[in-house]
Amino acid sequence: MKNYQITQWCANFIRQQVQEGDFCIDATMGNGNDTLLLTQLCGKSGKVLAFDIQKQALETTKKKLTAAHVPENYKLLLESHANMAEYANPDSVSCIVFNFGYLPGGDHTLATRGETSIEALSQSLTLLKKGGMISLCIYSGGDSGFEERDQILAWLKELDSRKYLVIKSDYYNRPNNPPIPVLIIKN
């Protein structure tokens, strides 16, 4: 087995989930790695929406997608993920990807926050089609603190187990508050 980083661990499940023609959302665009993966997996007949509140994220992602010569099946939005329900219909999305924390290489004072992240997650549940998946990479400690992590984990614990399967994993033997990978699958 490979020595997976959290993003690689989540990408493994994303690859199993997303099919040609799917509609997917990258809720936290960042440097565009998940947007690129989703765009490739959805193919020409699919669609990807990617959200971020930082112009730097959009510019970096646009360059990455252009360099990779992916299908133009994406829309990059300078918008909070808390507003994603304005851009997608209920029960229409196959996969939604979140990376909570701050933009790697960006301003650490601009980070996701518990209140808007939980609003975005709540919207995600309504947008997700049956059998759809939400991938979460929850970073905490250092600059981003623990408040958002704790709020998200408490919210996840309360999800109706008849409607959603929540799989939380951890890097059990890693020091310094390792990130937490989580999958939510809509039954």
Protein backbone atom coordinates (compact mmCIF):
# COMPACT_ATOMS: atom_id res chain seq x y z
CA MET A 1 0.00 0.00 0.00
CA LYS A 2 1.17 3.51 -0.78
CA ASN A 3 2.04 6.03 1.91
CA TYR A 4 -1.00 8.21 1.25
CA GLN A 5 -1.24 11.86 2.12
CA ILE A 6 -4.79 12.92 2.96
CA THR A 7 -5.47 14.35 -0.49
CA GLN A 8 -4.25 11.15 -2.16
CA TRP A 9 -6.36 9.05 0.20
CA CYS A 10 -9.49 11.04 -0.68
CA ALA A 11 -8.61 11.09 -4.40
CA ASN A 12 -8.59 7.29 -4.39
CA PHE A 13 -12.28 7.28 -3.40
CA ILE A 14 -13.11 10.16 -5.73
CA ARG A 15 -11.70 8.14 -8.66
CA GLN A 16 -13.97 5.24 -7.71
CA GLN A 17 -17.01 7.51 -7.43
CA VAL A 18 -16.89 9.87 -10.41
CA GLN A 19 -17.88 8.65 -13.88
CA GLU A 20 -17.88 10.22 -17.34
CA GLY A 21 -20.82 12.62 -17.60
CA ASP A 22 -21.15 13.26 -13.85
CA PHE A 23 -21.79 16.65 -12.28
CA CYS A 24 -19.30 17.44 -9.49
CA ILE A 25 -18.41 20.33 -7.21
CA ASP A 26 -15.07 21.39 -5.78
CA ALA A 27 -16.33 23.42 -2.83
CA THR A 28 -12.86 24.70 -1.87
CA MET A 29 -10.88 25.19 -5.07
CA GLY A 30 -7.55 26.17 -3.49
CA ASN A 31 -4.70 25.41 -5.89
CA GLY A 32 -6.97 23.47 -8.25
CA ASN A 33 -5.81 19.90 -7.71
CA ASP A 34 -9.27 18.52 -6.97
CA THR A 35 -10.82 20.65 -9.71
CA LEU A 36 -8.35 19.15 -12.17
CA LEU A 37 -9.09 15.60 -11.01
CA LEU A 38 -12.86 16.11 -11.19
CA THR A 39 -12.65 17.71 -14.63
CA GLN A 40 -10.62 14.79 -15.97
CA LEU A 41 -12.94 12.18 -14.44
CA CYS A 42 -16.18 13.86 -15.62
CA GLY A 43 -14.90 14.14 -19.17
CA LYS A 44 -16.40 16.17 -21.99
CA SER A 45 -19.96 15.25 -21.15
CA GLY A 46 -19.60 16.10 -17.43
CA LYS A 47 -19.66 19.33 -15.50
CA VAL A 48 -17.59 20.75 -12.62
CA LEU A 49 -18.27 23.81 -10.50
CA ALA A 50 -15.38 25.07 -8.37
CA PHE A 51 -15.72 27.66 -5.58
CA ASP A 52 -13.24 29.84 -3.75
CA ILE A 53 -13.32 33.30 -2.19
CA GLN A 54 -9.74 34.14 -3.19
CA LYS A 55 -8.92 35.45 -6.64
CA GLN A 56 -5.47 33.83 -6.35
CA ALA A 57 -7.15 30.42 -6.17
CA LEU A 58 -9.10 31.04 -9.39
CA GLU A 59 -6.03 32.29 -11.23
CA THR A 60 -3.88 29.35 -10.11
CA THR A 61 -6.60 26.83 -10.96
CA LYS A 62 -7.28 28.35 -14.39
CA LYS A 63 -3.56 28.10 -15.25
CA LYS A 64 -3.45 24.49 -14.03
CA LEU A 65 -6.50 23.47 -16.09
CA THR A 66 -5.26 25.26 -19.21
CA ALA A 67 -1.82 23.62 -18.94
CA ALA A 68 -3.43 20.18 -18.54
CA HIS A 69 -5.59 20.62 -21.68
CA VAL A 70 -8.69 19.29 -19.91
CA PRO A 71 -12.17 19.56 -21.42
CA GLU A 72 -13.80 22.94 -20.83
CA ASN A 73 -16.47 21.33 -18.67
CA TYR A 74 -15.83 23.56 -15.65
CA LYS A 75 -16.89 26.88 -14.20
CA LEU A 76 -14.63 28.63 -11.68
CA LEU A 77 -16.56 30.83 -9.27
CA LEU A 78 -15.22 33.62 -7.05
CA GLU A 79 -17.88 32.78 -4.49
CA SER A 80 -18.29 31.25 -1.04
CA HIS A 81 -19.06 27.56 -0.93
CA ALA A 82 -21.92 28.55 1.39
CA ASN A 83 -23.76 29.71 -1.75
CA MET A 84 -23.37 26.56 -3.85
CA ALA A 85 -27.10 25.76 -3.76
CA GLU A 86 -27.62 28.79 -6.04
CA TYR A 87 -25.67 26.98 -8.78
CA ALA A 88 -26.94 23.39 -8.63
CA ASN A 89 -30.24 21.56 -8.38
CA PRO A 90 -31.14 19.20 -5.54
CA ASP A 91 -30.23 15.53 -6.08
CA SER A 92 -28.00 16.30 -9.09
CA VAL A 93 -24.38 16.06 -7.91
CA SER A 94 -22.29 12.88 -7.88
CA CYS A 95 -19.31 14.11 -5.84
CA ILE A 96 -18.52 17.18 -3.74
CA VAL A 97 -15.00 17.82 -2.46
CA PHE A 98 -13.97 19.96 0.53
CA ASN A 99 -10.53 20.84 1.91
CA PHE A 100 -11.02 22.83 5.11
CA GLY A 101 -8.37 25.25 6.32
CA TYR A 102 -6.40 27.82 4.36
CA LEU A 103 -5.03 28.04 0.83
CA PRO A 104 -1.58 26.39 0.74
CA GLY A 105 0.89 29.15 -0.08
CA GLY A 106 -1.79 31.79 0.49
CA ASP A 107 -2.82 34.16 3.25
CA HIS A 108 -3.29 32.06 6.40
CA THR A 109 -5.70 34.62 7.86
CA LEU A 110 -8.15 33.72 5.07
CA ALA A 111 -9.40 30.27 5.98
CA THR A 112 -12.65 28.36 5.97
CA ARG A 113 -14.80 28.91 9.06
CA GLY A 114 -17.09 26.53 10.89
CA GLU A 115 -20.32 28.45 10.33
CA THR A 116 -19.99 28.82 6.57
CA SER A 117 -18.48 25.36 6.18
CA ILE A 118 -21.43 23.75 7.95
CA GLU A 119 -23.81 25.83 5.82
CA ALA A 120 -22.00 24.55 2.70
CA LEU A 121 -22.06 20.97 4.00
CA SER A 122 -25.80 21.22 4.72
CA GLN A 123 -26.41 22.45 1.18
CA SER A 124 -24.19 19.67 -0.16
CA LEU A 125 -26.46 17.05 1.36
CA THR A 126 -29.45 18.40 -0.57
CA LEU A 127 -27.48 18.69 -3.82
CA LEU A 128 -26.05 15.18 -3.62
CA LYS A 129 -27.84 12.50 -5.61
CA LYS A 130 -28.57 9.09 -4.11
CA GLY A 131 -25.30 7.14 -4.01
CA GLY A 132 -23.34 10.40 -4.22
CA MET A 133 -20.29 11.12 -2.09
CA ILE A 134 -18.80 14.07 -0.24
CA SER A 135 -15.06 14.00 0.45
CA LEU A 136 -13.69 16.08 3.31
CA CYS A 137 -10.09 16.84 4.25
CA ILE A 138 -10.23 18.52 7.65
CA TYR A 139 -7.06 20.39 8.59
CA SER A 140 -6.61 21.85 12.08
CA GLY A 141 -4.03 23.22 14.47
CA GLY A 142 -1.37 25.78 13.68
CA ASP A 143 -2.85 28.84 12.02
CA SER A 144 -6.32 27.41 11.51
CA GLY A 145 -7.03 26.29 15.08
CA PHE A 146 -9.45 23.61 16.17
CA GLU A 147 -12.80 25.37 16.26
CA GLU A 148 -13.84 24.52 12.70
CA ARG A 149 -12.69 20.91 13.04
CA ASP A 150 -14.67 20.44 16.24
CA GLN A 151 -17.79 22.05 14.77
CA ILE A 152 -17.66 19.89 11.64
CA LEU A 153 -17.06 16.67 13.57
CA ALA A 154 -19.97 17.43 15.91
CA TRP A 155 -22.20 18.17 12.89
CA LEU A 156 -21.16 14.92 11.18
CA LYS A 157 -21.93 12.87 14.29
CA GLU A 158 -25.55 14.09 14.19
CA LEU A 159 -26.27 13.12 10.56
CA ASP A 160 -29.17 10.70 10.19
CA SER A 161 -27.60 7.24 9.80
CA ARG A 162 -30.59 6.07 7.76
CA LYS A 163 -29.82 8.72 5.11
CA TYR A 164 -26.03 9.05 5.25
CA LEU A 165 -23.02 6.84 5.89
CA VAL A 166 -20.19 8.83 7.46
CA ILE A 167 -16.74 7.24 7.39
CA LYS A 168 -14.11 9.08 9.44
CA SER A 169 -10.52 7.94 9.39
CA ASP A 170 -7.35 9.30 10.91
CA TYR A 171 -3.61 9.20 10.73
CA TYR A 172 -3.43 7.55 14.13
CA ASN A 173 0.33 7.60 14.71
CA ARG A 174 1.16 11.00 13.20
CA PRO A 175 2.02 13.88 15.54
CA ASN A 176 0.97 17.54 15.41
CA ASN A 177 -2.76 17.31 14.71
CA PRO A 178 -2.77 15.42 11.41
CA PRO A 179 -5.62 16.11 8.98
CA ILE A 180 -8.78 14.04 9.20
CA PRO A 181 -10.22 12.41 6.06
CA VAL A 182 -13.99 11.86 5.99
CA LEU A 183 -16.42 10.46 3.42
CA ILE A 184 -20.18 11.00 3.45
CA ILE A 185 -22.25 8.72 1.23
CA LYS A 186 -25.94 9.44 0.61
CA ASN A 187 -28.02 6.26 1.00
